[in-house]
Amino acid sequence: MDLEFPLPEAARRYLAAHILDDPAHLALQARRHPGLPVPALVRQIQARQKARLKLPEWADNPELRFPPALSVEQASSSRTAAFKAELLSGSRLADLTGGFGADAAAFAQRFAQVDYVERNAELTAVVAYNFAHLGIANVTVHNAEAVDFLRGTSAHYDWLYLDPARRDTAARKVAGLADCEPNVPRLLPLLLHRAERILLKTSPMLDIEQACQELGHVRRLWVVAVDNEVKEVLYELGAEPAIDPERYAVNLRRHGPNQEFRLNRAREARAIPRYAEAQKYLYEPNAAVLKAGAFRSVGTAFELLKLHQHSHLYTSEVLRTDFPGRIFRVLAVEKADPAALKAHLGPEARAHVTTRNFPDSVADFRRRTGIREGGDVYLFATTDLRNRLVVLVCEKAVVEPLAIS
């Protein structure tokens, strides 16, 4: 039995009562509700649970329809969608790989007219229904292939947006942009004929240098992390590429201000690190900074000293509160000796462990030392400038808010 939308009152009550329950358990109890389309409702619950963290305002809206959970998994979060929208401006945009519509909804806040294009007919119907209930009136929904849409329209856009599918027909992960669908490098002439600028979203698994070479029209790019987990890489494409595109490493944080670091290949190549043993403070660049390739320039930009060429950890005597990453106060420097390390821990021998340029993985380190996860102490197992294996015993630095005069 399929669902009818808007949902009848009995279906609404079932959804509200079981929204946090285990979908598999609910499916087994379907016979208890003979008058309800329980399998279809369970699919709605499963999709809403997937959306709870990335699209909470949609997940909590009882009026909306949800597609299969996979489409929700592949959707942008509300935070990354809003970030993308803030980068762009103009009067008209086309989202050529519309999906669940999170990006198109964000773009609609910035553009007078948005064309949403999606080849999956079921997904297109879901999005059209949802946009009507969300009151988003400046998005026109098209069920079409991106290429067919572009060839069939005479419109000229300020921006085109694409998020190519990153799996082939056998659901295997693909290695390059030419293996994604649609094939953006091959479509570039048509894309640039229809728009002044293109914003391309790719998986963080794709190599940035390879993508720049494949595309050849990159003007600038953003590596976007959410709470220190890289979620996507964005490329601005235009008819005239930059010789050395600016790269922006952005970490969108739930607590505290967002972090941003700017670099390009030339500044990274010119950066000459200075090295030292661990001083009062330790700095760990966030994941976006490292993905963007700032292995040296992030240290020189903040006048920090590097522990080792391959460690990508930095130190200083004076606190730099604006560093784009985590900051710690160094309590001690020890050998990788279980007894010496446990002397700094409580009776439960708990600590957070990071290994950088160290022969053990975190799991191996824990097995060898018997140190469990948790507590207020942070251990950084690494190699120092004299190639000695050391463990830095740290606590989180207290970063005072800036005084307002």
Protein backbone atom coordinates (compact mmCIF):
# COMPACT_ATOMS: atom_id res chain seq x y z
CA MET A 1 0.00 0.00 0.00
CA ASP A 2 1.46 3.36 -1.03
CA LEU A 3 1.27 6.53 1.03
CA GLU A 4 -1.11 9.35 0.25
CA PHE A 5 0.01 12.92 0.83
CA PRO A 6 -0.93 14.90 2.77
CA LEU A 7 -0.87 12.02 5.25
CA PRO A 8 -4.18 10.96 6.79
CA GLU A 9 -4.50 11.62 10.51
CA ALA A 10 -3.89 7.99 11.53
CA ALA A 11 -0.68 7.85 9.50
CA ARG A 12 0.47 11.15 11.05
CA ARG A 13 -0.07 9.79 14.54
CA TYR A 14 1.88 6.62 13.71
CA LEU A 15 4.76 8.67 12.28
CA ALA A 16 4.89 10.96 15.32
CA ALA A 17 4.72 8.08 17.79
CA HIS A 18 7.48 6.02 16.18
CA ILE A 19 9.81 8.61 14.64
CA LEU A 20 12.71 7.59 16.90
CA ASP A 21 12.06 3.84 16.90
CA ASP A 22 14.10 1.16 15.16
CA PRO A 23 12.72 0.78 11.58
CA ALA A 24 13.53 -2.94 11.47
CA HIS A 25 11.56 -3.52 14.68
CA LEU A 26 8.63 -1.50 13.35
CA ALA A 27 8.56 -3.55 10.14
CA LEU A 28 8.25 -6.75 12.16
CA GLN A 29 5.23 -5.31 14.00
CA ALA A 30 3.34 -4.26 10.85
CA ARG A 31 0.52 -6.78 11.48
CA ARG A 32 -0.50 -4.86 14.60
CA HIS A 33 -1.67 -2.00 12.37
CA PRO A 34 -3.78 -3.62 9.62
CA GLY A 35 -5.34 -0.35 8.51
CA LEU A 36 -2.02 1.44 7.92
CA PRO A 37 0.58 1.21 5.12
CA VAL A 38 3.27 0.38 7.68
CA PRO A 39 6.08 -0.57 5.22
CA ALA A 40 5.74 2.80 3.47
CA LEU A 41 5.56 4.65 6.78
CA VAL A 42 8.65 2.82 8.02
CA ARG A 43 10.52 3.99 4.92
CA GLN A 44 9.49 7.55 5.76
CA ILE A 45 10.73 7.08 9.33
CA GLN A 46 14.02 5.63 8.13
CA ALA A 47 14.60 8.56 5.76
CA ARG A 48 13.66 11.13 8.41
CA GLN A 49 16.10 9.56 10.84
CA LYS A 50 18.84 9.89 8.21
CA ALA A 51 17.89 13.55 7.79
CA ARG A 52 17.76 14.39 11.49
CA LEU A 53 21.38 15.55 11.76
CA LYS A 54 21.90 17.10 8.34
CA LEU A 55 18.42 18.56 7.64
CA PRO A 56 16.75 18.81 11.06
CA GLU A 57 14.22 21.46 10.02
CA TRP A 58 12.97 19.15 7.24
CA ALA A 59 13.08 15.99 9.35
CA ASP A 60 10.80 17.60 11.94
CA ASN A 61 8.28 18.92 9.40
CA PRO A 62 5.30 16.51 9.27
CA GLU A 63 4.06 18.01 5.99
CA LEU A 64 7.05 16.91 3.93
CA ARG A 65 7.57 13.76 1.87
CA PHE A 66 10.85 11.86 2.01
CA PRO A 67 12.47 9.78 -0.75
CA PRO A 68 14.37 6.53 -0.12
CA ALA A 69 17.05 6.89 2.57
CA LEU A 70 19.89 6.74 0.01
CA SER A 71 18.73 10.00 -1.57
CA VAL A 72 18.76 11.62 1.88
CA GLU A 73 22.27 10.31 2.56
CA GLN A 74 23.50 11.88 -0.67
CA ALA A 75 21.87 15.27 0.01
CA SER A 76 23.77 18.30 1.25
CA SER A 77 23.25 19.29 4.86
CA SER A 78 21.48 22.54 5.60
CA ARG A 79 24.80 23.98 6.81
CA THR A 80 26.78 23.16 3.68
CA ALA A 81 23.86 24.17 1.43
CA ALA A 82 23.66 27.58 3.13
CA PHE A 83 27.43 28.01 2.80
CA LYS A 84 27.30 27.31 -0.94
CA ALA A 85 24.43 29.75 -1.40
CA GLU A 86 26.38 32.50 0.35
CA LEU A 87 29.18 32.15 -2.21
CA LEU A 88 26.90 32.95 -5.14
CA SER A 89 24.79 35.85 -6.31
CA GLY A 90 22.78 36.80 -9.37
CA SER A 91 19.26 36.57 -10.70
CA ARG A 92 19.10 33.08 -12.23
CA LEU A 93 20.66 29.70 -11.36
CA ALA A 94 20.10 26.13 -12.51
CA ASP A 95 20.78 23.17 -10.22
CA LEU A 96 21.42 20.44 -12.78
CA THR A 97 21.66 17.53 -10.31
CA GLY A 98 18.81 18.48 -8.00
CA GLY A 99 18.54 15.40 -5.76
CA PHE A 100 16.53 15.94 -2.59
CA GLY A 101 16.52 19.70 -3.18
CA ALA A 102 18.50 20.95 -0.16
CA ASP A 103 20.87 22.98 -2.33
CA ALA A 104 18.11 24.33 -4.58
CA ALA A 105 16.14 25.47 -1.52
CA ALA A 106 19.20 27.37 -0.26
CA PHE A 107 19.88 28.89 -3.68
CA ALA A 108 16.27 30.09 -3.81
CA GLN A 109 17.10 32.44 -0.93
CA ARG A 110 19.76 34.17 -3.08
CA PHE A 111 18.38 34.08 -6.63
CA ALA A 112 15.18 35.42 -8.14
CA GLN A 113 14.73 32.26 -10.24
CA VAL A 114 16.10 28.74 -9.75
CA ASP A 115 15.64 25.82 -12.13
CA TYR A 116 15.80 22.45 -10.36
CA VAL A 117 16.71 19.62 -12.75
CA GLU A 118 16.58 15.95 -11.72
CA ARG A 119 16.47 12.83 -13.88
CA ASN A 120 14.72 10.65 -11.26
CA ALA A 121 10.97 11.13 -11.74
CA GLU A 122 10.01 9.93 -8.24
CA LEU A 123 12.52 12.27 -6.61
CA THR A 124 11.35 15.16 -8.79
CA ALA A 125 7.76 14.62 -7.63
CA VAL A 126 8.84 14.54 -3.98
CA VAL A 127 10.75 17.81 -4.32
CA ALA A 128 7.92 19.57 -6.18
CA TYR A 129 5.52 18.57 -3.42
CA ASN A 130 7.91 19.66 -0.64
CA PHE A 131 8.75 23.02 -2.19
CA ALA A 132 5.04 23.81 -2.47
CA HIS A 133 4.56 23.04 1.24
CA LEU A 134 7.69 25.03 2.16
CA GLY A 135 6.39 28.03 0.28
CA ILE A 136 9.35 28.09 -2.12
CA ALA A 137 7.71 29.66 -5.16
CA ASN A 138 10.74 30.77 -7.20
CA VAL A 139 11.99 27.26 -8.07
CA THR A 140 10.80 25.60 -11.28
CA VAL A 141 11.07 21.81 -11.14
CA HIS A 142 12.16 19.85 -14.24
CA ASN A 143 12.29 16.07 -14.59
CA ALA A 144 15.09 15.76 -17.16
CA GLU A 145 18.68 14.74 -17.77
CA ALA A 146 21.06 17.65 -17.25
CA VAL A 147 22.39 17.48 -20.82
CA ASP A 148 18.92 17.32 -22.35
CA PHE A 149 17.79 20.27 -20.26
CA LEU A 150 20.75 22.42 -21.30
CA ARG A 151 20.34 21.54 -24.97
CA GLY A 152 16.64 22.24 -24.85
CA THR A 153 16.75 25.64 -23.21
CA SER A 154 17.72 29.03 -24.61
CA ALA A 155 18.12 30.54 -21.15
CA HIS A 156 21.39 32.06 -19.99
CA TYR A 157 22.27 31.68 -16.31
CA ASP A 158 24.44 33.56 -13.86
CA TRP A 159 25.39 30.22 -12.29
CA LEU A 160 25.04 26.50 -12.96
CA TYR A 161 25.45 24.07 -10.08
CA LEU A 162 26.34 20.39 -10.38
CA ASP A 163 26.94 17.59 -7.89
CA PRO A 164 27.79 14.63 -10.17
CA ALA A 165 26.95 11.11 -9.04
CA ARG A 166 30.07 9.50 -7.68
CA ARG A 167 29.26 5.85 -8.37
CA ASP A 168 29.03 3.86 -11.58
CA THR A 169 26.16 1.57 -12.53
CA ALA A 170 27.61 -1.23 -10.41
CA ALA A 171 27.69 1.10 -7.35
CA ARG A 172 31.49 1.13 -7.25
CA LYS A 173 33.25 4.31 -6.18
CA VAL A 174 34.75 6.16 -9.13
CA ALA A 175 38.25 7.61 -9.30
CA GLY A 176 37.91 10.78 -11.36
CA LEU A 177 35.47 13.39 -12.61
CA ALA A 178 35.33 11.81 -16.06
CA ASP A 179 33.89 8.70 -14.36
CA CYS A 180 31.09 10.66 -12.66
CA GLU A 181 27.62 11.28 -14.06
CA PRO A 182 27.25 13.74 -15.66
CA ASN A 183 30.77 13.92 -17.11
CA VAL A 184 31.57 17.57 -16.33
CA PRO A 185 34.94 17.81 -18.15
CA ARG A 186 33.26 16.64 -21.37
CA LEU A 187 30.27 18.96 -20.87
CA LEU A 188 32.27 22.10 -20.08
CA PRO A 189 31.81 23.78 -23.49
CA LEU A 190 28.03 23.43 -23.23
CA LEU A 191 28.00 24.47 -19.57
CA LEU A 192 30.06 27.60 -20.21
CA HIS A 193 27.86 28.45 -23.19
CA ARG A 194 24.84 28.57 -20.88
CA ALA A 195 26.35 30.31 -17.84
CA GLU A 196 28.94 32.83 -16.72
CA ARG A 197 30.04 30.67 -13.80
CA ILE A 198 29.74 27.06 -12.68
CA LEU A 199 29.90 25.73 -9.13
CA LEU A 200 30.91 22.07 -9.02
CA LYS A 201 30.67 19.94 -5.89
CA THR A 202 32.84 16.83 -5.60
CA SER A 203 33.51 14.19 -3.02
CA PRO A 204 36.50 14.84 -0.73
CA MET A 205 37.79 11.46 -1.91
CA LEU A 206 38.66 12.94 -5.32
CA ASP A 207 42.18 14.34 -5.60
CA ILE A 208 42.19 18.14 -5.87
CA GLU A 209 45.21 18.38 -8.16
CA GLN A 210 43.77 15.76 -10.51
CA ALA A 211 40.39 17.53 -10.56
CA CYS A 212 42.02 20.87 -11.43
CA GLN A 213 43.88 19.23 -14.30
CA GLU A 214 40.75 17.47 -15.59
CA LEU A 215 38.65 20.62 -15.46
CA GLY A 216 41.15 23.20 -16.68
CA HIS A 217 38.77 26.10 -15.92
CA VAL A 218 39.12 26.42 -12.14
CA ARG A 219 39.02 30.00 -10.82
CA ARG A 220 39.02 29.16 -7.10
CA LEU A 221 38.00 26.31 -4.81
CA TRP A 222 36.76 25.60 -1.30
CA VAL A 223 37.40 22.60 0.91
CA VAL A 224 34.41 22.47 3.26
CA ALA A 225 34.43 20.60 6.57
CA VAL A 226 31.67 20.39 9.16
CA ASP A 227 32.96 20.07 12.72
CA ASN A 228 36.37 18.96 11.40
CA GLU A 229 35.05 16.34 8.97
CA VAL A 230 35.57 17.22 5.30
CA LYS A 231 32.24 16.91 3.50
CA GLU A 232 32.82 18.36 0.03
CA VAL A 233 35.14 20.25 -2.28
CA LEU A 234 33.69 23.08 -4.37
CA TYR A 235 35.19 24.39 -7.62
CA GLU A 236 34.26 27.68 -9.27
CA LEU A 237 34.67 27.31 -13.03
CA GLY A 238 34.72 30.04 -15.64
CA ALA A 239 35.77 30.67 -19.22
CA GLU A 240 39.07 32.14 -18.06
CA PRO A 241 40.71 30.01 -15.35
CA ALA A 242 43.11 31.30 -12.73
CA ILE A 243 46.75 30.35 -13.21
CA ASP A 244 46.98 29.36 -9.55
CA PRO A 245 43.46 29.18 -8.06
CA GLU A 246 42.95 30.42 -4.53
CA ARG A 247 42.00 27.67 -2.10
CA TYR A 248 39.81 28.28 0.93
CA ALA A 249 39.87 25.74 3.74
CA VAL A 250 36.61 26.23 5.66
CA ASN A 251 35.55 24.45 8.83
CA LEU A 252 31.88 25.07 9.72
CA ARG A 253 31.59 24.60 13.46
CA ARG A 254 28.53 23.95 15.58
CA HIS A 255 30.23 25.56 18.59
CA GLY A 256 32.42 28.60 18.10
CA PRO A 257 33.10 30.70 15.01
CA ASN A 258 33.82 29.09 11.66
CA GLN A 259 37.48 28.69 10.74
CA GLU A 260 38.97 29.68 7.37
CA PHE A 261 42.45 29.56 5.91
CA ARG A 262 43.42 30.79 2.46
CA LEU A 263 46.29 29.53 0.32
CA ASN A 264 47.46 28.74 -3.18
CA ARG A 265 50.20 26.52 -4.56
CA ALA A 266 52.70 29.36 -4.96
CA ARG A 267 52.44 30.51 -1.32
CA GLU A 268 52.60 26.92 -0.13
CA ALA A 269 55.76 26.30 -2.20
CA ARG A 270 57.42 29.50 -0.91
CA ALA A 271 56.68 28.75 2.74
CA ILE A 272 59.83 27.73 4.61
CA PRO A 273 58.99 26.07 7.92
CA ARG A 274 61.05 26.53 11.03
CA TYR A 275 61.36 23.57 13.38
CA ALA A 276 61.53 23.14 17.13
CA GLU A 277 60.82 20.71 19.91
CA ALA A 278 57.45 21.02 21.60
CA GLN A 279 56.94 24.32 23.38
CA LYS A 280 54.07 25.54 25.57
CA TYR A 281 51.30 25.16 22.98
CA LEU A 282 50.51 22.53 20.35
CA TYR A 283 48.44 23.18 17.21
CA GLU A 284 46.67 20.60 15.05
CA PRO A 285 45.33 21.98 11.73
CA ASN A 286 41.72 21.14 10.99
CA ALA A 287 40.87 18.56 8.34
CA ALA A 288 39.95 21.16 5.70
CA VAL A 289 43.37 22.84 5.99
CA LEU A 290 45.16 19.53 5.45
CA LYS A 291 42.88 18.47 2.58
CA ALA A 292 43.56 21.82 0.88
CA GLY A 293 47.29 21.04 0.98
CA ALA A 294 48.45 23.61 3.56
CA PHE A 295 51.25 21.54 5.07
CA ARG A 296 53.75 24.39 5.44
CA SER A 297 52.04 27.73 4.83
CA VAL A 298 49.61 27.31 7.73
CA GLY A 299 52.59 27.27 10.10
CA THR A 300 54.40 30.24 8.59
CA ALA A 301 51.19 32.29 8.34
CA PHE A 302 50.72 32.06 12.11
CA GLU A 303 54.46 32.22 12.93
CA LEU A 304 54.45 28.74 14.41
CA LEU A 305 57.25 26.18 14.60
CA LYS A 306 56.84 22.72 13.13
CA LEU A 307 57.67 19.56 15.08
CA HIS A 308 58.81 17.53 12.06
CA GLN A 309 58.64 17.75 8.28
CA HIS A 310 56.06 14.97 8.07
CA SER A 311 54.13 15.42 11.33
CA HIS A 312 52.02 18.50 10.42
CA LEU A 313 51.85 19.52 14.05
CA TYR A 314 52.96 22.97 15.21
CA THR A 315 54.09 24.60 18.42
CA SER A 316 54.72 28.00 20.03
CA GLU A 317 55.45 29.71 23.33
CA VAL A 318 52.82 32.41 22.70
CA LEU A 319 49.20 31.38 22.18
CA ARG A 320 47.69 32.02 18.73
CA THR A 321 43.95 31.89 19.36
CA ASP A 322 43.03 32.46 15.69
CA PHE A 323 44.66 29.25 14.46
CA PRO A 324 42.35 27.18 12.17
CA GLY A 325 42.38 23.96 14.15
CA ARG A 326 42.60 22.56 17.64
CA ILE A 327 44.90 24.15 20.23
CA PHE A 328 46.39 22.38 23.26
CA ARG A 329 48.65 23.19 26.19
CA VAL A 330 51.60 20.81 26.43
CA LEU A 331 51.91 19.27 29.89
CA ALA A 332 54.80 16.88 29.23
CA VAL A 333 56.79 15.12 26.52
CA GLU A 334 57.30 11.41 27.15
CA LYS A 335 58.64 8.34 25.44
CA ALA A 336 56.01 5.92 24.13
CA ASP A 337 56.20 4.03 27.43
CA PRO A 338 52.95 2.79 29.00
CA ALA A 339 54.04 3.38 32.60
CA ALA A 340 55.33 6.90 31.93
CA LEU A 341 52.15 7.83 30.09
CA LYS A 342 49.76 6.35 32.65
CA ALA A 343 51.43 8.44 35.35
CA HIS A 344 49.71 11.45 33.75
CA LEU A 345 46.30 9.78 33.64
CA GLY A 346 43.71 8.94 36.24
CA PRO A 347 43.19 5.46 37.71
CA GLU A 348 41.05 4.48 34.70
CA ALA A 349 43.95 5.26 32.31
CA ARG A 350 41.83 7.15 29.79
CA ALA A 351 42.97 9.65 27.17
CA HIS A 352 42.20 10.83 23.64
CA VAL A 353 44.91 9.57 21.27
CA THR A 354 46.15 10.93 17.94
CA THR A 355 49.04 9.44 15.97
CA ARG A 356 50.89 11.56 13.40
CA ASN A 357 54.06 10.37 11.66
CA PHE A 358 54.20 7.48 14.12
CA PRO A 359 54.54 3.75 13.40
CA ASP A 360 51.45 2.73 15.41
CA SER A 361 47.86 3.36 14.45
CA VAL A 362 45.61 4.65 17.23
CA ALA A 363 44.21 1.15 17.73
CA ASP A 364 47.72 -0.37 17.91
CA PHE A 365 48.84 2.35 20.34
CA ARG A 366 45.90 1.63 22.64
CA ARG A 367 46.52 -2.12 22.55
CA ARG A 368 50.20 -1.67 23.34
CA THR A 369 49.73 0.84 26.15
CA GLY A 370 46.39 -0.26 27.58
CA ILE A 371 45.12 3.33 27.45
CA ARG A 372 41.36 3.59 26.89
CA GLU A 373 39.34 6.32 25.18
CA GLY A 374 38.04 9.25 27.21
CA GLY A 375 39.09 11.68 29.90
CA ASP A 376 40.50 15.20 29.67
CA VAL A 377 44.04 14.34 28.56
CA TYR A 378 45.09 14.31 24.89
CA LEU A 379 48.07 12.23 23.74
CA PHE A 380 49.81 13.04 20.44
CA ALA A 381 52.15 10.24 19.39
CA THR A 382 54.55 11.62 16.79
CA THR A 383 58.16 12.05 15.66
CA ASP A 384 60.18 15.06 16.75
CA LEU A 385 62.77 17.05 14.79
CA ARG A 386 65.53 14.64 15.93
CA ASN A 387 63.52 11.69 14.60
CA ARG A 388 62.70 10.43 18.09
CA LEU A 389 59.33 8.78 18.77
CA VAL A 390 57.62 10.88 21.44
CA VAL A 391 54.21 11.33 23.00
CA LEU A 392 53.01 14.83 23.83
CA VAL A 393 50.76 14.87 26.88
CA CYS A 394 48.31 17.75 26.47
CA GLU A 395 45.14 19.38 27.65
CA LYS A 396 42.86 21.64 25.66
CA ALA A 397 44.04 25.24 25.74
CA VAL A 398 41.73 27.77 27.32
CA VAL A 399 41.09 30.34 24.59
CA GLU A 400 39.84 33.56 26.15
CA PRO A 401 37.32 35.61 24.16
CA LEU A 402 38.69 38.80 22.62
CA ALA A 403 38.26 41.82 24.88
CA ILE A 404 35.97 44.57 23.59
CA SER A 405 37.24 48.07 24.34
